[in-house]
Protein backbone atom coordinates (compact mmCIF):
# COMPACT_ATOMS: atom_id res chain seq x y z
CA MET A 1 0.00 0.00 0.00
CA ASN A 2 1.45 3.37 -0.98
CA LYS A 3 2.00 6.27 1.34
CA THR A 4 -0.98 8.26 -0.02
CA LYS A 5 -3.42 5.45 0.73
CA LEU A 6 -1.99 5.00 4.23
CA LEU A 7 -2.40 8.70 4.96
CA ARG A 8 -5.93 8.66 3.60
CA ARG A 9 -6.87 5.71 5.83
CA ALA A 10 -5.31 7.34 8.85
CA PHE A 11 -7.21 10.56 8.15
CA CYS A 12 -10.55 8.69 7.79
CA ALA A 13 -9.94 6.77 11.02
CA ALA A 14 -9.16 9.99 12.86
CA ALA A 15 -12.24 11.69 11.42
CA PHE A 16 -14.43 8.75 12.46
CA ALA A 17 -13.02 8.79 15.98
CA LEU A 18 -13.56 12.54 16.25
CA ALA A 19 -17.16 12.22 15.04
CA ALA A 20 -17.83 9.43 17.52
CA THR A 21 -16.32 11.46 20.33
CA GLY A 22 -18.32 14.49 19.29
CA GLY A 23 -21.55 12.46 19.29
CA ALA A 24 -20.82 11.13 22.77
CA TRP A 25 -20.03 14.65 23.98
CA ALA A 26 -23.30 15.95 22.54
CA GLN A 27 -25.21 13.17 24.27
CA GLN A 28 -23.47 13.82 27.58
CA THR A 29 -24.32 17.53 27.42
CA THR A 30 -28.06 17.15 26.85
CA MET A 31 -30.25 17.07 29.93
CA VAL A 32 -33.96 16.37 30.48
CA MET A 33 -36.30 18.97 31.95
CA ALA A 34 -39.74 18.09 33.31
CA SER A 35 -41.82 21.23 33.01
CA THR A 36 -45.31 22.61 32.64
CA THR A 37 -47.29 23.10 29.47
CA SER A 38 -47.47 26.86 30.13
CA THR A 39 -43.72 27.43 29.82
CA GLU A 40 -43.75 25.70 26.44
CA GLN A 41 -47.15 26.77 25.06
CA SER A 42 -46.49 30.40 25.95
CA GLY A 43 -43.46 30.25 23.66
CA LEU A 44 -41.02 31.15 26.45
CA PHE A 45 -38.83 28.08 26.02
CA GLY A 46 -38.35 28.93 22.35
CA THR A 47 -36.39 31.96 23.56
CA LEU A 48 -35.02 30.85 26.92
CA LEU A 49 -33.51 27.46 26.12
CA PRO A 50 -31.55 28.44 22.98
CA ALA A 51 -30.03 31.31 24.99
CA PHE A 52 -29.01 28.85 27.72
CA THR A 53 -27.53 26.41 25.20
CA LYS A 54 -25.61 29.21 23.51
CA ALA A 55 -24.17 30.31 26.87
CA THR A 56 -23.24 26.85 28.15
CA GLY A 57 -23.18 24.34 25.28
CA ILE A 58 -25.77 22.23 27.15
CA GLY A 59 -28.86 21.10 25.27
CA VAL A 60 -32.23 20.69 26.96
CA LYS A 61 -34.90 18.13 26.10
CA VAL A 62 -38.22 19.31 27.53
CA VAL A 63 -41.08 17.05 28.56
CA ALA A 64 -43.99 19.50 28.95
CA VAL A 65 -46.88 18.11 30.99
CA GLY A 66 -49.02 19.30 33.89
CA THR A 67 -47.09 20.21 37.06
CA GLY A 68 -48.39 17.11 38.89
CA GLN A 69 -47.21 14.84 36.09
CA ALA A 70 -43.88 16.67 35.89
CA ILE A 71 -43.32 16.16 39.62
CA ASP A 72 -44.23 12.47 39.31
CA MET A 73 -41.75 12.17 36.45
CA ALA A 74 -39.02 13.74 38.59
CA LYS A 75 -39.93 11.47 41.50
CA ARG A 76 -39.16 8.50 39.26
CA GLY A 77 -35.77 9.94 38.40
CA ASP A 78 -36.80 10.41 34.76
CA ALA A 79 -35.64 14.04 34.62
CA ASP A 80 -32.61 16.04 35.66
CA VAL A 81 -34.31 19.33 36.50
CA LEU A 82 -37.88 20.33 37.37
CA PHE A 83 -39.46 23.68 36.34
CA VAL A 84 -43.06 24.02 37.56
CA HIS A 85 -45.66 26.29 39.21
CA ASN A 86 -47.38 24.88 42.27
CA ARG A 87 -45.53 26.02 45.37
CA ALA A 88 -47.38 23.76 47.82
CA ALA A 89 -46.60 20.68 45.71
CA GLU A 90 -43.00 21.84 45.19
CA GLU A 91 -42.43 22.25 48.93
CA LYS A 92 -43.91 18.81 49.57
CA TYR A 93 -41.59 17.38 46.90
CA ILE A 94 -38.59 18.90 48.69
CA ALA A 95 -39.78 17.79 52.14
CA GLU A 96 -39.92 14.22 50.83
CA GLY A 97 -36.24 14.46 49.88
CA TYR A 98 -36.57 14.57 46.11
CA ALA A 99 -34.73 17.89 45.70
CA PRO A 100 -32.23 19.78 47.87
CA ARG A 101 -33.97 23.15 47.47
CA ARG A 102 -36.36 25.25 45.41
CA TYR A 103 -35.33 28.37 43.48
CA PRO A 104 -37.92 31.02 42.58
CA VAL A 105 -37.49 32.04 38.94
CA MET A 106 -40.39 34.17 37.66
CA TYR A 107 -44.09 34.87 37.93
CA ASN A 108 -47.10 35.91 35.92
CA ASP A 109 -50.81 35.58 36.71
CA PHE A 110 -53.91 33.59 35.96
CA VAL A 111 -56.92 35.13 34.22
CA MET A 112 -60.45 33.93 33.55
CA VAL A 113 -61.49 34.18 29.95
CA GLY A 114 -64.94 33.70 28.53
CA PRO A 115 -67.37 34.85 25.82
CA LYS A 116 -67.45 38.61 25.24
CA SER A 117 -71.18 38.67 25.99
CA ASP A 118 -70.37 37.31 29.49
CA PRO A 119 -73.73 35.56 30.08
CA ALA A 120 -72.80 34.66 33.69
CA GLY A 121 -71.82 38.26 34.50
CA VAL A 122 -68.40 37.37 35.90
CA LYS A 123 -66.45 40.41 34.66
CA GLY A 124 -64.42 42.05 37.42
CA HIS A 125 -61.48 41.46 39.74
CA ASP A 126 -62.76 38.73 42.10
CA ILE A 127 -62.08 35.18 40.92
CA VAL A 128 -64.11 33.56 43.72
CA GLU A 129 -67.22 35.61 43.04
CA ALA A 130 -66.80 34.88 39.35
CA LEU A 131 -66.82 31.13 39.99
CA LYS A 132 -69.91 31.46 42.18
CA LYS A 133 -71.70 33.17 39.28
CA VAL A 134 -70.58 30.46 36.86
CA ALA A 135 -72.00 27.80 39.17
CA SER A 136 -75.28 29.62 39.90
CA THR A 137 -76.03 30.20 36.21
CA ASN A 138 -74.90 26.71 35.09
CA ALA A 139 -72.59 28.43 32.59
CA PRO A 140 -70.21 26.25 30.56
CA PHE A 141 -66.83 26.06 32.31
CA ILE A 142 -63.83 24.04 31.15
CA SER A 143 -61.46 22.75 33.83
CA ARG A 144 -58.20 21.02 32.96
CA GLY A 145 -58.53 18.27 35.58
CA ASP A 146 -54.97 17.12 34.91
CA LYS A 147 -53.23 17.84 38.26
CA SER A 148 -51.37 20.74 36.65
CA GLY A 149 -50.39 23.92 38.48
CA THR A 150 -53.31 25.69 36.82
CA ASP A 151 -55.68 22.89 37.79
CA ALA A 152 -54.48 23.06 41.41
CA ALA A 153 -55.02 26.83 41.45
CA VAL A 154 -58.56 26.55 40.07
CA LYS A 155 -59.43 23.86 42.63
CA ARG A 156 -58.19 26.21 45.38
CA PHE A 157 -60.47 28.95 44.05
CA TRP A 158 -63.48 26.59 43.97
CA LYS A 159 -62.70 25.50 47.54
CA ILE A 160 -62.60 29.13 48.73
CA ALA A 161 -65.97 29.62 47.01
CA GLY A 162 -67.33 26.89 49.29
CA LEU A 163 -69.30 25.16 46.58
CA ASP A 164 -70.05 21.44 46.44
CA HIS A 165 -71.51 21.65 42.92
CA TYR A 166 -69.91 23.73 40.19
CA GLY A 167 -72.97 23.98 37.96
CA ALA A 168 -74.35 21.86 35.13
CA GLY A 169 -71.94 23.43 32.66
CA TYR A 170 -68.76 22.31 34.47
CA LYS A 171 -66.59 19.87 32.51
CA GLU A 172 -63.08 18.49 33.05
CA CYS A 173 -61.09 17.78 29.90
CA GLY A 174 -58.05 16.05 31.44
CA CYS A 175 -55.93 18.03 29.00
CA GLY A 176 -53.28 20.73 28.73
CA MET A 177 -53.87 24.47 28.66
CA GLY A 178 -53.85 24.79 24.88
CA PRO A 179 -56.47 22.07 24.30
CA ALA A 180 -58.58 23.44 27.18
CA LEU A 181 -58.57 26.87 25.54
CA ASN A 182 -59.51 25.32 22.20
CA ILE A 183 -62.49 23.57 23.80
CA ALA A 184 -63.56 26.80 25.52
CA SER A 185 -63.21 28.71 22.25
CA SER A 186 -65.32 26.23 20.28
CA SER A 187 -68.05 26.05 22.95
CA ASN A 188 -68.04 29.67 24.21
CA ALA A 189 -67.16 28.48 27.71
CA TYR A 190 -65.36 30.07 30.61
CA VAL A 191 -61.87 28.84 31.51
CA VAL A 192 -59.01 29.89 33.78
CA THR A 193 -55.61 30.10 32.08
CA ASP A 194 -52.17 31.44 32.76
CA ARG A 195 -51.75 34.76 31.00
CA GLY A 196 -48.67 33.66 29.08
CA THR A 197 -50.45 30.82 27.28
CA TRP A 198 -53.43 33.08 26.60
CA LEU A 199 -51.27 35.77 24.99
CA ASN A 200 -49.70 33.17 22.71
CA PHE A 201 -53.04 31.49 21.91
CA LYS A 202 -54.27 32.13 18.36
CA ASN A 203 -57.66 30.38 18.24
CA ARG A 204 -59.53 32.77 20.57
CA GLY A 205 -62.85 32.91 18.76
CA ASP A 206 -65.23 35.03 20.87
CA LEU A 207 -63.21 34.67 24.08
CA THR A 208 -61.75 37.62 25.98
CA ILE A 209 -60.26 38.25 29.42
CA LEU A 210 -63.05 38.87 31.94
CA VAL A 211 -61.45 38.42 35.36
CA GLU A 212 -57.97 39.63 36.27
CA GLY A 213 -56.15 41.57 38.97
CA ASP A 214 -57.17 39.46 41.99
CA LYS A 215 -54.05 38.91 44.15
CA ARG A 216 -55.07 35.25 44.46
CA LEU A 217 -54.35 34.90 40.73
CA PHE A 218 -50.59 35.32 41.31
CA ASN A 219 -48.69 32.50 39.56
CA GLN A 220 -45.14 31.73 40.75
CA TYR A 221 -42.68 29.40 39.00
CA GLY A 222 -39.84 27.51 40.68
CA VAL A 223 -36.95 25.34 39.51
CA MET A 224 -35.39 22.37 41.33
CA LEU A 225 -32.52 19.96 40.84
CA VAL A 226 -33.62 16.32 40.93
CA SER A 227 -31.81 14.80 43.91
CA PRO A 228 -28.53 13.16 42.87
CA GLN A 229 -28.55 11.37 46.24
CA LYS A 230 -31.76 9.54 45.35
CA TYR A 231 -30.86 9.21 41.67
CA PRO A 232 -27.08 9.08 41.07
CA HIS A 233 -27.65 8.84 37.30
CA VAL A 234 -29.11 12.35 36.98
CA LYS A 235 -26.99 14.95 35.22
CA SER A 236 -26.73 17.12 38.29
CA ALA A 237 -23.83 19.26 37.03
CA GLU A 238 -25.72 20.22 33.86
CA ALA A 239 -28.99 20.72 35.76
CA GLN A 240 -27.30 22.96 38.32
CA LYS A 241 -25.79 25.00 35.50
CA PHE A 242 -29.30 25.61 34.17
CA ILE A 243 -30.51 26.66 37.62
CA ASP A 244 -27.53 28.97 38.08
CA TRP A 245 -28.02 30.49 34.64
CA VAL A 246 -31.81 30.96 34.74
CA THR A 247 -31.53 32.72 38.12
CA SER A 248 -28.55 34.83 37.00
CA PRO A 249 -28.86 38.35 35.56
CA ALA A 250 -28.45 36.91 32.04
CA GLY A 251 -31.22 34.35 32.46
CA GLN A 252 -33.52 36.77 34.24
CA GLN A 253 -33.06 39.35 31.48
CA THR A 254 -33.84 36.72 28.85
CA ILE A 255 -37.13 35.97 30.64
CA ALA A 256 -37.99 39.67 30.91
CA SER A 257 -37.23 40.25 27.24
CA TYR A 258 -39.75 37.68 26.01
CA LYS A 259 -42.81 39.60 24.79
CA ILE A 260 -45.78 39.14 22.47
CA ASN A 261 -47.09 42.27 20.75
CA GLY A 262 -45.02 44.32 23.16
CA GLU A 263 -46.53 42.69 26.27
CA GLN A 264 -44.20 40.97 28.73
CA LEU A 265 -45.37 37.43 29.60
CA PHE A 266 -43.21 36.56 32.61
CA PHE A 267 -41.55 38.66 35.30
CA PRO A 268 -38.25 37.45 36.76
CA ASN A 269 -37.97 37.35 40.55
CA ALA A 270 -35.05 35.07 41.43
CA GLY A 271 -33.76 35.61 44.94
CA THR A 272 -37.17 36.36 46.44
CA ASP A 273 -39.03 34.17 48.93
CA ASN A 274 -41.91 33.44 46.55
């Protein structure tokens, strides 16, 4: 075999080894995030995660489900980091030893949307009174019923209202925020949604925001590392880098900069006690 052929073979072998190494490196630097549908369906992750990857070289695979399902996924060790919005459930998750601590990241709010004609007369700033009117008029109301952060919030509001029956129009879809909004739009029903998903929702039909501004509609998001003590296989270094970045000035500014039609969807508040 002549020298040229030997060099060519050596070059190909080196190129193959480099490609294999590069593929392994790429696999090692991709982590799994269990998160809510609102962070994805609002479009936030389309801005936030590429900025994180650009800053760190770490890719993120998102599994977007309801908060309850995301927490269950993390409890099985099937994720590296958890990004959700149900503080009571998050604190319980930590108390059970599944995460070392919780980091506040950002907030927005919930709103009730419904048909512009507002047949139940809910328009105002009191979510509990609005639900009472929905129930008393048997107005159509779509509830997610999927153990998500939004679902947990709505159940809290119904509990405060002190009602055993939510009206003949109450239906649970067992679905995410986007599908719930689509059902409400097609049936002119009332529904509670996070504002971010609503602002990014295109199929509004006759729906409009009717109830907002109640302090009980505050919607906080937190991020947690899945415990490497319980699950040694988790990519704790990569997950902690995401936590450090998303709570840093760079990550917080990226969150603040995400807008739709000039309206900010999420408000960073890392370092607070929310």
